[in-house]
């Protein structure tokens, strides 16, 4: 039933009041190397930079989808990765929710007025870039019309909840990361696109949240 958008929309109030599972969800997408790294870090000591992302649920023919972006290739640790729209907090941002809304409008052209907030999710720490990401979950009731910032975004990806829930798409992928080379990393692999790391951790919490409906 989760894949039915109308069903999901009817249960928005319940979703808003559900308990987040945080670390329980996130650790499903940790490699042993990432687990060791995260458990050894004291966030107060590393003083992470703040950022925020927006995870948007929306319908295509009444099937629930999530909007992702494929980042452009650049000189940086997150070059070319699959992510949610978002970015770092700017001095003028009132709070991290505004950061997520502003970055979403800049990267994919979706206006804040087009989104209905559901809830804030659990923060995710990203060791390579020393960012603490605050994810927000929102809903868009119409099929998505995006306008990409072609400097930062290579493409948009509309991935169905059904594909993310399919256990065959949850795999171990051999990758080079900032914390290990040629290591197995848990990831969602859909249409040859690999969702791993912080983004996969956020996806895991969204799926666990929706399973509570």
N, C-alpha and C. Protein backbone atom coordinates (compact mmCIF):
# COMPACT_ATOMS: atom_id res chain seq x y z
N UNK A 1 0.81 -1.21 0.00
CA UNK A 1 0.00 0.00 0.00
C UNK A 1 0.85 1.27 0.00
N UNK A 2 2.08 1.19 0.50
CA UNK A 2 2.93 2.37 0.56
C UNK A 2 3.22 2.94 -0.82
N UNK A 3 3.17 2.08 -1.82
CA UNK A 3 3.47 2.54 -3.17
C UNK A 3 2.31 3.30 -3.78
N UNK A 4 1.13 3.23 -3.16
CA UNK A 4 -0.06 3.94 -3.63
C UNK A 4 -0.04 5.36 -3.05
N UNK A 5 0.08 6.35 -3.92
CA UNK A 5 0.25 7.73 -3.44
C UNK A 5 -0.98 8.22 -2.68
N UNK A 6 -2.17 7.89 -3.14
CA UNK A 6 -3.37 8.34 -2.44
C UNK A 6 -3.44 7.77 -1.02
N UNK A 7 -3.04 6.52 -0.88
CA UNK A 7 -2.99 5.90 0.45
C UNK A 7 -2.02 6.65 1.35
N UNK A 8 -0.85 6.94 0.81
CA UNK A 8 0.17 7.65 1.58
C UNK A 8 -0.34 9.03 2.00
N UNK A 9 -0.97 9.71 1.07
CA UNK A 9 -1.46 11.06 1.34
C UNK A 9 -2.53 11.06 2.43
N UNK A 10 -3.36 10.04 2.45
CA UNK A 10 -4.41 9.95 3.47
C UNK A 10 -3.83 9.74 4.86
N UNK A 11 -2.58 9.27 4.93
CA UNK A 11 -1.97 8.96 6.23
C UNK A 11 -0.90 9.99 6.64
N UNK A 12 -0.94 11.17 6.04
CA UNK A 12 0.09 12.17 6.35
C UNK A 12 0.14 12.53 7.83
N UNK A 13 -1.02 12.72 8.43
CA UNK A 13 -1.06 13.11 9.85
C UNK A 13 -0.42 12.03 10.71
N UNK A 14 -0.66 10.77 10.37
CA UNK A 14 -0.04 9.67 11.12
C UNK A 14 1.46 9.68 10.94
N UNK A 15 1.92 9.91 9.71
CA UNK A 15 3.36 9.94 9.44
C UNK A 15 4.04 11.03 10.25
N UNK A 16 3.39 12.19 10.35
CA UNK A 16 3.95 13.32 11.09
C UNK A 16 4.22 12.95 12.54
N UNK A 17 3.42 12.06 13.10
CA UNK A 17 3.52 11.72 14.52
C UNK A 17 4.30 10.45 14.80
N UNK A 18 4.80 9.80 13.74
CA UNK A 18 5.57 8.57 13.95
C UNK A 18 6.95 8.86 14.52
N UNK A 19 7.46 7.90 15.27
CA UNK A 19 8.79 8.04 15.87
C UNK A 19 9.88 7.72 14.84
N UNK A 20 10.90 8.58 14.81
CA UNK A 20 12.05 8.33 13.94
C UNK A 20 12.93 7.25 14.54
N UNK A 21 13.55 6.46 13.67
CA UNK A 21 14.39 5.36 14.15
C UNK A 21 15.88 5.68 14.07
N UNK A 22 16.21 6.80 13.43
CA UNK A 22 17.57 7.32 13.46
C UNK A 22 18.66 6.30 13.19
N UNK A 23 19.50 6.11 14.19
CA UNK A 23 20.67 5.23 14.07
C UNK A 23 20.29 3.81 13.66
N UNK A 24 19.15 3.32 14.17
CA UNK A 24 18.70 1.98 13.83
C UNK A 24 18.53 1.85 12.31
N UNK A 25 17.99 2.89 11.69
CA UNK A 25 17.82 2.89 10.24
C UNK A 25 19.13 3.13 9.53
N UNK A 26 19.87 4.12 9.98
CA UNK A 26 21.10 4.53 9.30
C UNK A 26 22.11 3.39 9.21
N UNK A 27 22.25 2.62 10.30
CA UNK A 27 23.32 1.62 10.33
C UNK A 27 23.09 0.48 9.34
N UNK A 28 21.87 0.37 8.83
CA UNK A 28 21.63 -0.64 7.79
C UNK A 28 22.45 -0.35 6.54
N UNK A 29 22.82 0.92 6.36
CA UNK A 29 23.54 1.33 5.15
C UNK A 29 25.00 1.68 5.46
N UNK A 30 25.50 1.23 6.60
CA UNK A 30 26.91 1.42 6.96
C UNK A 30 27.73 0.22 6.49
N UNK A 31 28.86 0.48 5.91
CA UNK A 31 29.87 -0.56 5.76
C UNK A 31 30.59 -0.69 7.10
N UNK A 32 31.29 -1.79 7.35
CA UNK A 32 32.05 -1.90 8.60
C UNK A 32 33.03 -0.74 8.78
N UNK A 33 33.62 -0.29 7.67
CA UNK A 33 34.59 0.80 7.73
C UNK A 33 33.92 2.11 8.15
N UNK A 34 32.74 2.36 7.60
CA UNK A 34 32.00 3.58 7.97
C UNK A 34 31.55 3.52 9.42
N UNK A 35 31.09 2.35 9.85
CA UNK A 35 30.66 2.17 11.23
C UNK A 35 31.79 2.51 12.19
N UNK A 36 32.97 1.98 11.92
CA UNK A 36 34.13 2.24 12.79
C UNK A 36 34.46 3.73 12.83
N UNK A 37 34.38 4.37 11.66
CA UNK A 37 34.70 5.80 11.58
C UNK A 37 33.68 6.64 12.34
N UNK A 38 32.40 6.39 12.12
CA UNK A 38 31.36 7.19 12.76
C UNK A 38 31.37 7.01 14.27
N UNK A 39 31.57 5.79 14.72
CA UNK A 39 31.55 5.54 16.16
C UNK A 39 32.76 6.10 16.88
N UNK A 40 33.79 6.48 16.14
CA UNK A 40 34.99 7.04 16.78
C UNK A 40 34.98 8.57 16.80
N UNK A 41 33.97 9.18 16.17
CA UNK A 41 33.97 10.64 16.03
C UNK A 41 33.15 11.30 17.13
N UNK A 42 33.70 12.36 17.70
CA UNK A 42 33.00 13.22 18.66
C UNK A 42 32.58 14.49 17.90
N UNK A 43 31.28 14.66 17.67
CA UNK A 43 30.81 15.78 16.87
C UNK A 43 31.16 17.13 17.47
N UNK A 44 31.21 17.20 18.79
CA UNK A 44 31.57 18.47 19.43
C UNK A 44 33.02 18.86 19.10
N UNK A 45 33.86 17.86 18.95
CA UNK A 45 35.27 18.13 18.66
C UNK A 45 35.49 18.52 17.20
N UNK A 46 34.76 17.87 16.28
CA UNK A 46 35.00 18.15 14.85
C UNK A 46 34.22 19.38 14.37
N UNK A 47 33.22 19.82 15.16
CA UNK A 47 32.45 21.03 14.84
C UNK A 47 32.00 21.03 13.38
N UNK A 48 31.09 20.12 13.01
CA UNK A 48 30.71 19.98 11.60
C UNK A 48 29.99 21.20 11.05
N UNK A 49 30.12 21.37 9.74
CA UNK A 49 29.38 22.41 9.02
C UNK A 49 27.93 21.95 8.86
N UNK A 50 27.02 22.92 8.77
CA UNK A 50 25.60 22.59 8.67
C UNK A 50 25.13 22.57 7.22
N UNK A 51 24.28 21.59 6.91
CA UNK A 51 23.65 21.54 5.60
C UNK A 51 22.28 20.90 5.76
N UNK A 52 21.48 20.97 4.70
CA UNK A 52 20.13 20.41 4.75
C UNK A 52 19.73 19.92 3.37
N UNK A 53 18.89 18.89 3.35
CA UNK A 53 18.38 18.35 2.09
C UNK A 53 16.88 18.16 2.20
N UNK A 54 16.22 18.06 1.04
CA UNK A 54 14.78 17.86 1.00
C UNK A 54 14.47 16.57 0.25
N UNK A 55 13.83 15.63 0.95
CA UNK A 55 13.36 14.38 0.33
C UNK A 55 11.89 14.58 -0.01
N UNK A 56 11.56 14.50 -1.30
CA UNK A 56 10.22 14.84 -1.76
C UNK A 56 9.51 13.60 -2.30
N UNK A 57 8.38 13.28 -1.69
CA UNK A 57 7.49 12.22 -2.18
C UNK A 57 6.51 12.83 -3.17
N UNK A 58 6.28 12.17 -4.29
CA UNK A 58 5.35 12.71 -5.30
C UNK A 58 4.81 11.57 -6.15
N UNK A 59 3.71 11.81 -6.88
CA UNK A 59 3.09 10.73 -7.65
C UNK A 59 3.46 10.73 -9.13
N UNK A 60 3.57 9.55 -9.69
CA UNK A 60 3.55 9.34 -11.13
C UNK A 60 2.52 8.24 -11.36
N UNK A 61 1.40 8.60 -11.99
CA UNK A 61 0.28 7.66 -12.19
C UNK A 61 -0.10 6.99 -10.87
N UNK A 62 -0.18 7.81 -9.84
CA UNK A 62 -0.57 7.40 -8.48
C UNK A 62 0.41 6.44 -7.81
N UNK A 63 1.59 6.27 -8.37
CA UNK A 63 2.63 5.47 -7.72
C UNK A 63 3.62 6.43 -7.04
N UNK A 64 3.92 6.15 -5.78
CA UNK A 64 4.76 7.04 -4.99
C UNK A 64 6.21 6.98 -5.46
N UNK A 65 6.81 8.14 -5.64
CA UNK A 65 8.21 8.26 -6.05
C UNK A 65 8.96 9.22 -5.12
N UNK A 66 10.26 9.11 -5.14
CA UNK A 66 11.15 10.06 -4.46
C UNK A 66 12.01 10.75 -5.52
N UNK A 67 12.25 12.04 -5.31
CA UNK A 67 13.07 12.80 -6.24
C UNK A 67 14.52 12.82 -5.76
N UNK A 68 15.42 12.41 -6.64
CA UNK A 68 16.86 12.48 -6.39
C UNK A 68 17.51 13.33 -7.49
N UNK A 69 18.73 13.73 -7.25
CA UNK A 69 19.53 14.39 -8.28
C UNK A 69 20.85 13.65 -8.43
N UNK A 70 21.40 13.72 -9.62
CA UNK A 70 22.76 13.24 -9.86
C UNK A 70 23.65 14.47 -9.95
N UNK A 71 24.55 14.60 -9.02
CA UNK A 71 25.37 15.81 -8.96
C UNK A 71 26.34 15.87 -10.15
N UNK A 72 26.64 17.08 -10.58
CA UNK A 72 27.60 17.27 -11.65
C UNK A 72 28.98 16.81 -11.20
N UNK A 73 29.84 16.52 -12.14
CA UNK A 73 31.22 16.13 -11.83
C UNK A 73 32.04 17.38 -11.56
N UNK A 74 32.72 17.38 -10.42
CA UNK A 74 33.53 18.53 -10.02
C UNK A 74 34.66 18.04 -9.13
N UNK A 75 35.53 18.94 -8.76
CA UNK A 75 36.63 18.58 -7.86
C UNK A 75 36.11 18.58 -6.42
N UNK A 76 35.73 17.42 -5.94
CA UNK A 76 35.20 17.34 -4.58
C UNK A 76 34.80 15.92 -4.25
N UNK A 77 34.60 15.65 -2.95
CA UNK A 77 34.37 14.28 -2.50
C UNK A 77 32.99 13.76 -2.90
N UNK A 78 32.05 14.64 -3.21
CA UNK A 78 30.70 14.19 -3.55
C UNK A 78 30.40 14.33 -5.04
N UNK A 79 31.43 14.48 -5.83
CA UNK A 79 31.28 14.64 -7.28
C UNK A 79 30.52 13.46 -7.89
N UNK A 80 29.50 13.77 -8.70
CA UNK A 80 28.78 12.76 -9.44
C UNK A 80 27.88 11.84 -8.65
N UNK A 81 27.72 12.08 -7.37
CA UNK A 81 26.93 11.18 -6.54
C UNK A 81 25.43 11.43 -6.68
N UNK A 82 24.65 10.40 -6.34
CA UNK A 82 23.20 10.53 -6.26
C UNK A 82 22.86 11.10 -4.88
N UNK A 83 22.00 12.11 -4.87
CA UNK A 83 21.70 12.80 -3.62
C UNK A 83 20.27 13.33 -3.65
N UNK A 84 19.84 13.87 -2.53
CA UNK A 84 18.62 14.66 -2.48
C UNK A 84 18.99 16.12 -2.75
N UNK A 85 18.07 16.91 -3.30
CA UNK A 85 18.36 18.34 -3.45
C UNK A 85 18.71 18.95 -2.09
N UNK A 86 19.73 19.79 -2.09
CA UNK A 86 20.13 20.41 -0.82
C UNK A 86 21.54 20.95 -0.88
N UNK A 87 22.00 21.48 0.24
CA UNK A 87 23.34 22.05 0.29
C UNK A 87 23.61 22.71 1.62
N UNK A 88 24.69 23.47 1.67
CA UNK A 88 25.14 24.03 2.93
C UNK A 88 24.30 25.23 3.36
N UNK A 89 24.24 25.42 4.66
CA UNK A 89 23.52 26.56 5.22
C UNK A 89 24.28 27.84 4.94
N UNK A 90 23.55 28.86 4.50
CA UNK A 90 24.12 30.17 4.24
C UNK A 90 23.81 31.09 5.41
N UNK A 91 24.62 32.14 5.61
CA UNK A 91 24.42 33.03 6.75
C UNK A 91 23.03 33.65 6.82
N UNK A 92 22.39 33.87 5.68
CA UNK A 92 21.08 34.50 5.67
C UNK A 92 19.93 33.53 5.93
N UNK A 93 20.21 32.24 5.96
CA UNK A 93 19.15 31.26 6.22
C UNK A 93 18.69 31.35 7.67
N UNK A 94 17.39 31.48 7.87
CA UNK A 94 16.84 31.58 9.22
C UNK A 94 17.10 30.29 10.00
N UNK A 95 16.90 29.16 9.32
CA UNK A 95 17.12 27.85 9.94
C UNK A 95 17.43 26.84 8.83
N UNK A 96 17.63 25.59 9.23
CA UNK A 96 18.00 24.57 8.25
C UNK A 96 16.84 24.18 7.34
N UNK A 97 15.63 24.36 7.80
CA UNK A 97 14.49 24.11 6.92
C UNK A 97 14.50 25.10 5.76
N UNK A 98 14.81 26.34 6.06
CA UNK A 98 14.92 27.33 4.98
C UNK A 98 16.07 26.98 4.04
N UNK A 99 17.15 26.47 4.60
CA UNK A 99 18.28 26.02 3.76
C UNK A 99 17.81 24.97 2.76
N UNK A 100 17.06 23.98 3.25
CA UNK A 100 16.59 22.90 2.38
C UNK A 100 15.65 23.43 1.30
N UNK A 101 14.76 24.33 1.67
CA UNK A 101 13.82 24.91 0.70
C UNK A 101 14.55 25.75 -0.34
N UNK A 102 15.49 26.57 0.11
CA UNK A 102 16.23 27.44 -0.80
C UNK A 102 17.05 26.62 -1.79
N UNK A 103 17.77 25.62 -1.27
CA UNK A 103 18.60 24.80 -2.14
C UNK A 103 17.76 23.99 -3.13
N UNK A 104 16.61 23.53 -2.68
CA UNK A 104 15.72 22.77 -3.57
C UNK A 104 15.23 23.64 -4.72
N UNK A 105 14.87 24.87 -4.41
CA UNK A 105 14.45 25.79 -5.47
C UNK A 105 15.60 26.10 -6.41
N UNK A 106 16.80 26.30 -5.87
CA UNK A 106 17.95 26.63 -6.70
C UNK A 106 18.36 25.46 -7.59
N UNK A 107 18.34 24.24 -7.06
CA UNK A 107 18.87 23.10 -7.80
C UNK A 107 17.87 22.48 -8.76
N UNK A 108 16.59 22.42 -8.36
CA UNK A 108 15.61 21.73 -9.22
C UNK A 108 14.39 22.59 -9.55
N UNK A 109 14.37 23.84 -9.10
CA UNK A 109 13.31 24.76 -9.49
C UNK A 109 11.96 24.52 -8.85
N UNK A 110 11.91 23.77 -7.75
CA UNK A 110 10.65 23.52 -7.06
C UNK A 110 10.47 24.58 -5.97
N UNK A 111 9.35 25.29 -6.02
CA UNK A 111 9.10 26.39 -5.10
C UNK A 111 8.64 25.88 -3.74
N UNK A 112 8.97 26.58 -2.67
CA UNK A 112 8.48 26.19 -1.34
C UNK A 112 6.97 26.06 -1.28
N UNK A 113 6.26 26.92 -2.02
CA UNK A 113 4.80 26.89 -2.01
C UNK A 113 4.24 25.62 -2.64
N UNK A 114 5.05 24.89 -3.40
CA UNK A 114 4.60 23.66 -4.04
C UNK A 114 4.74 22.44 -3.13
N UNK A 115 5.39 22.63 -1.99
CA UNK A 115 5.68 21.51 -1.09
C UNK A 115 4.84 21.58 0.17
N UNK A 116 4.45 20.43 0.65
CA UNK A 116 3.77 20.31 1.94
C UNK A 116 4.71 19.57 2.88
N UNK A 117 5.11 20.23 3.95
CA UNK A 117 6.04 19.62 4.89
C UNK A 117 5.41 18.43 5.60
N UNK A 118 6.22 17.39 5.80
CA UNK A 118 5.77 16.26 6.61
C UNK A 118 6.48 16.28 7.95
N UNK A 119 7.83 16.17 7.94
CA UNK A 119 8.56 16.25 9.20
C UNK A 119 10.06 16.30 8.94
N UNK A 120 10.79 16.73 9.94
CA UNK A 120 12.25 16.65 9.91
C UNK A 120 12.66 15.22 10.24
N UNK A 121 13.70 14.75 9.57
CA UNK A 121 14.23 13.42 9.82
C UNK A 121 15.47 13.52 10.72
N UNK A 122 16.14 12.40 10.94
CA UNK A 122 17.31 12.39 11.81
C UNK A 122 18.54 12.91 11.08
N UNK A 123 19.37 13.72 11.74
CA UNK A 123 20.58 14.24 11.09
C UNK A 123 21.57 13.12 10.77
N UNK A 124 22.35 13.36 9.72
CA UNK A 124 23.35 12.39 9.25
C UNK A 124 24.70 13.10 9.15
N UNK A 125 25.71 12.52 9.78
CA UNK A 125 27.05 13.10 9.71
C UNK A 125 27.82 12.48 8.55
N UNK A 126 28.50 13.35 7.78
CA UNK A 126 29.28 12.90 6.62
C UNK A 126 30.76 13.20 6.89
N UNK A 127 31.54 12.19 7.29
CA UNK A 127 32.94 12.43 7.66
C UNK A 127 33.82 13.05 6.57
N UNK A 128 33.74 12.62 5.30
CA UNK A 128 34.68 13.14 4.30
C UNK A 128 34.65 14.67 4.15
N UNK A 129 33.44 15.24 4.23
CA UNK A 129 33.31 16.68 4.06
C UNK A 129 33.02 17.41 5.37
N UNK A 130 32.90 16.66 6.47
CA UNK A 130 32.62 17.21 7.79
C UNK A 130 31.34 18.05 7.79
N UNK A 131 30.29 17.51 7.15
CA UNK A 131 28.98 18.14 7.15
C UNK A 131 28.02 17.33 8.02
N UNK A 132 27.18 18.03 8.75
CA UNK A 132 26.06 17.40 9.44
C UNK A 132 24.81 17.78 8.64
N UNK A 133 24.20 16.77 8.00
CA UNK A 133 23.06 17.00 7.12
C UNK A 133 21.75 16.85 7.89
N UNK A 134 20.89 17.85 7.76
CA UNK A 134 19.55 17.78 8.33
C UNK A 134 18.56 17.49 7.20
N UNK A 135 17.98 16.31 7.17
CA UNK A 135 17.02 15.99 6.09
C UNK A 135 15.59 16.37 6.50
N UNK A 136 14.83 16.80 5.51
CA UNK A 136 13.41 17.09 5.71
C UNK A 136 12.61 16.28 4.70
N UNK A 137 11.47 15.80 5.15
CA UNK A 137 10.57 15.02 4.29
C UNK A 137 9.37 15.88 3.94
N UNK A 138 9.06 15.95 2.64
CA UNK A 138 7.93 16.75 2.17
C UNK A 138 7.18 15.98 1.10
N UNK A 139 6.02 16.50 0.74
CA UNK A 139 5.21 15.86 -0.29
C UNK A 139 4.81 16.89 -1.34
N UNK A 140 4.79 16.44 -2.57
CA UNK A 140 4.39 17.27 -3.71
C UNK A 140 3.25 16.50 -4.38
N UNK A 141 2.08 17.10 -4.46
CA UNK A 141 0.90 16.32 -4.84
C UNK A 141 0.72 16.13 -6.34
N UNK A 142 1.58 16.75 -7.14
CA UNK A 142 1.46 16.64 -8.59
C UNK A 142 2.71 15.99 -9.18
N UNK A 143 2.61 15.44 -10.40
CA UNK A 143 3.83 14.97 -11.06
C UNK A 143 4.86 16.10 -11.13
N UNK A 144 6.12 15.74 -10.97
CA UNK A 144 7.18 16.74 -10.80
C UNK A 144 7.57 17.40 -12.12
N UNK A 145 7.65 18.72 -12.07
CA UNK A 145 8.20 19.50 -13.18
C UNK A 145 9.45 20.21 -12.65
N UNK A 146 10.62 19.79 -13.10
CA UNK A 146 11.85 20.33 -12.54
C UNK A 146 12.54 21.26 -13.53
N UNK A 147 13.34 22.16 -12.97
CA UNK A 147 14.19 23.05 -13.76
C UNK A 147 15.57 22.99 -13.12
N UNK A 148 16.49 22.30 -13.77
CA UNK A 148 17.77 21.98 -13.15
C UNK A 148 18.76 23.13 -13.23
N UNK A 149 19.53 23.29 -12.16
CA UNK A 149 20.72 24.13 -12.19
C UNK A 149 21.81 23.29 -12.84
N UNK A 150 22.10 23.56 -14.10
CA UNK A 150 22.99 22.69 -14.85
C UNK A 150 24.45 22.78 -14.41
N UNK A 151 24.77 23.78 -13.60
CA UNK A 151 26.13 23.88 -13.07
C UNK A 151 26.34 22.84 -11.97
N UNK A 152 25.33 22.67 -11.11
CA UNK A 152 25.46 21.78 -9.96
C UNK A 152 24.84 20.41 -10.17
N UNK A 153 23.87 20.32 -11.08
CA UNK A 153 23.09 19.09 -11.22
C UNK A 153 23.19 18.55 -12.63
N UNK A 154 23.59 17.29 -12.74
CA UNK A 154 23.68 16.65 -14.05
C UNK A 154 22.31 16.21 -14.54
N UNK A 155 21.51 15.61 -13.64
CA UNK A 155 20.19 15.12 -14.02
C UNK A 155 19.34 14.90 -12.78
N UNK A 156 18.04 14.79 -13.00
CA UNK A 156 17.13 14.42 -11.92
C UNK A 156 16.74 12.96 -12.09
N UNK A 157 16.44 12.31 -10.98
CA UNK A 157 16.07 10.90 -10.99
C UNK A 157 14.78 10.73 -10.21
N UNK A 158 13.76 10.19 -10.85
CA UNK A 158 12.49 9.91 -10.20
C UNK A 158 12.44 8.40 -9.93
N UNK A 159 12.64 8.02 -8.69
CA UNK A 159 12.75 6.60 -8.35
C UNK A 159 11.53 6.19 -7.52
N UNK A 160 10.89 5.12 -7.94
CA UNK A 160 9.66 4.70 -7.27
C UNK A 160 9.95 4.08 -5.91
N UNK A 161 9.00 4.25 -5.02
CA UNK A 161 9.11 3.63 -3.70
C UNK A 161 9.14 2.11 -3.86
N UNK A 162 8.45 1.60 -4.86
CA UNK A 162 8.44 0.16 -5.10
C UNK A 162 9.84 -0.36 -5.39
N UNK A 163 10.62 0.39 -6.17
CA UNK A 163 11.99 -0.02 -6.46
C UNK A 163 12.87 0.03 -5.23
N UNK A 164 12.68 1.03 -4.39
CA UNK A 164 13.48 1.15 -3.18
C UNK A 164 13.11 0.09 -2.15
N UNK A 165 11.86 -0.35 -2.18
CA UNK A 165 11.40 -1.39 -1.25
C UNK A 165 11.74 -2.79 -1.74
N UNK A 166 12.09 -2.92 -3.00
CA UNK A 166 12.40 -4.23 -3.58
C UNK A 166 13.72 -4.74 -3.01
N UNK A 167 13.70 -5.85 -2.25
CA UNK A 167 14.94 -6.35 -1.63
C UNK A 167 16.02 -6.70 -2.65
N UNK A 168 15.65 -6.99 -3.88
CA UNK A 168 16.65 -7.31 -4.90
C UNK A 168 17.50 -6.09 -5.26
N UNK A 169 16.99 -4.89 -4.96
CA UNK A 169 17.74 -3.67 -5.28
C UNK A 169 18.62 -3.20 -4.13
N UNK A 170 18.59 -3.89 -3.02
CA UNK A 170 19.49 -3.59 -1.90
C UNK A 170 20.68 -4.53 -2.00
N UNK A 171 21.84 -3.98 -2.34
CA UNK A 171 23.00 -4.81 -2.67
C UNK A 171 24.27 -4.32 -1.97
N UNK A 172 25.28 -5.16 -2.03
CA UNK A 172 26.63 -4.78 -1.63
C UNK A 172 27.39 -4.41 -2.90
N UNK A 173 27.91 -3.20 -2.94
CA UNK A 173 28.58 -2.69 -4.13
C UNK A 173 30.05 -2.42 -3.79
N UNK A 174 30.94 -2.89 -4.67
CA UNK A 174 32.38 -2.67 -4.47
C UNK A 174 32.72 -1.25 -4.89
N UNK A 175 33.27 -0.46 -3.96
CA UNK A 175 33.50 0.95 -4.25
C UNK A 175 34.80 1.44 -3.63
N UNK A 176 35.28 2.56 -4.18
CA UNK A 176 36.35 3.32 -3.54
C UNK A 176 35.70 4.50 -2.80
N UNK A 177 36.02 4.64 -1.53
CA UNK A 177 35.47 5.72 -0.72
C UNK A 177 36.61 6.47 -0.03
N UNK A 178 36.25 7.52 0.67
CA UNK A 178 37.27 8.29 1.38
C UNK A 178 37.82 7.53 2.58
N UNK A 179 37.08 6.49 3.03
CA UNK A 179 37.53 5.74 4.20
C UNK A 179 37.95 4.31 3.86
N UNK A 180 38.10 4.01 2.58
CA UNK A 180 38.57 2.68 2.20
C UNK A 180 38.44 2.44 0.71
N UNK A 181 39.40 1.72 0.15
CA UNK A 181 39.39 1.42 -1.28
C UNK A 181 38.96 -0.03 -1.52
N UNK A 182 38.18 -0.23 -2.56
CA UNK A 182 37.70 -1.56 -2.94
C UNK A 182 37.02 -2.26 -1.77
N UNK A 183 36.07 -1.53 -1.16
CA UNK A 183 35.32 -2.10 -0.03
C UNK A 183 33.87 -2.31 -0.45
N UNK A 184 33.20 -3.24 0.24
CA UNK A 184 31.79 -3.48 -0.02
C UNK A 184 30.94 -2.49 0.76
N UNK A 185 30.06 -1.81 0.03
CA UNK A 185 29.21 -0.78 0.61
C UNK A 185 27.76 -1.12 0.34
N UNK A 186 26.88 -1.11 1.36
CA UNK A 186 25.46 -1.36 1.10
C UNK A 186 24.87 -0.19 0.32
N UNK A 187 24.04 -0.50 -0.66
CA UNK A 187 23.50 0.55 -1.53
C UNK A 187 22.19 0.09 -2.15
N UNK A 188 21.37 1.06 -2.51
CA UNK A 188 20.21 0.80 -3.35
C UNK A 188 20.65 0.99 -4.80
N UNK A 189 20.44 -0.02 -5.62
CA UNK A 189 20.85 0.06 -7.02
C UNK A 189 19.60 -0.06 -7.89
N UNK A 190 19.24 1.05 -8.54
CA UNK A 190 18.02 1.10 -9.36
C UNK A 190 18.39 1.65 -10.73
N UNK A 191 18.08 0.90 -11.75
CA UNK A 191 18.40 1.31 -13.13
C UNK A 191 19.87 1.71 -13.27
N UNK A 192 20.73 0.91 -12.65
CA UNK A 192 22.19 1.08 -12.68
C UNK A 192 22.67 2.33 -11.94
N UNK A 193 21.79 3.01 -11.24
CA UNK A 193 22.18 4.16 -10.42
C UNK A 193 22.38 3.68 -8.98
N UNK A 194 23.50 4.11 -8.37
CA UNK A 194 23.87 3.63 -7.05
C UNK A 194 23.61 4.71 -6.01
N UNK A 195 22.73 4.40 -5.05
CA UNK A 195 22.43 5.31 -3.95
C UNK A 195 23.08 4.74 -2.70
N UNK A 196 24.07 5.44 -2.19
CA UNK A 196 24.83 4.91 -1.06
C UNK A 196 25.16 6.06 -0.11
N UNK A 197 25.90 5.74 0.96
CA UNK A 197 26.35 6.77 1.89
C UNK A 197 25.21 7.47 2.61
N UNK A 198 25.38 8.77 2.83
CA UNK A 198 24.41 9.54 3.60
C UNK A 198 23.02 9.50 2.97
N UNK A 199 22.95 9.56 1.64
CA UNK A 199 21.65 9.53 0.97
C UNK A 199 20.94 8.21 1.22
N UNK A 200 21.67 7.11 1.15
CA UNK A 200 21.08 5.80 1.42
C UNK A 200 20.61 5.69 2.87
N UNK A 201 21.35 6.31 3.79
CA UNK A 201 20.95 6.30 5.20
C UNK A 201 19.63 7.02 5.39
N UNK A 202 19.47 8.14 4.69
CA UNK A 202 18.20 8.89 4.77
C UNK A 202 17.07 8.08 4.17
N UNK A 203 17.33 7.43 3.03
CA UNK A 203 16.31 6.58 2.40
C UNK A 203 15.89 5.47 3.37
N UNK A 204 16.85 4.85 4.03
CA UNK A 204 16.53 3.76 4.96
C UNK A 204 15.60 4.24 6.07
N UNK A 205 15.84 5.45 6.57
CA UNK A 205 14.96 5.96 7.63
C UNK A 205 13.57 6.28 7.08
N UNK A 206 13.49 6.81 5.86
CA UNK A 206 12.18 7.08 5.25
C UNK A 206 11.39 5.79 5.10
N UNK A 207 12.04 4.75 4.60
CA UNK A 207 11.35 3.47 4.41
C UNK A 207 10.91 2.88 5.75
N UNK A 208 11.76 2.95 6.75
CA UNK A 208 11.39 2.45 8.07
C UNK A 208 10.22 3.26 8.66
N UNK A 209 10.24 4.56 8.42
CA UNK A 209 9.16 5.43 8.90
C UNK A 209 7.84 5.04 8.25
N UNK A 210 7.85 4.87 6.94
CA UNK A 210 6.61 4.56 6.22
C UNK A 210 6.10 3.16 6.54
N UNK A 211 7.01 2.26 6.88
CA UNK A 211 6.58 0.90 7.26
C UNK A 211 5.76 0.89 8.54
N UNK A 212 5.81 1.98 9.32
CA UNK A 212 5.07 2.05 10.57
C UNK A 212 3.61 2.46 10.39
N UNK A 213 3.26 2.87 9.16
CA UNK A 213 1.88 3.31 8.93
C UNK A 213 0.89 2.16 9.17
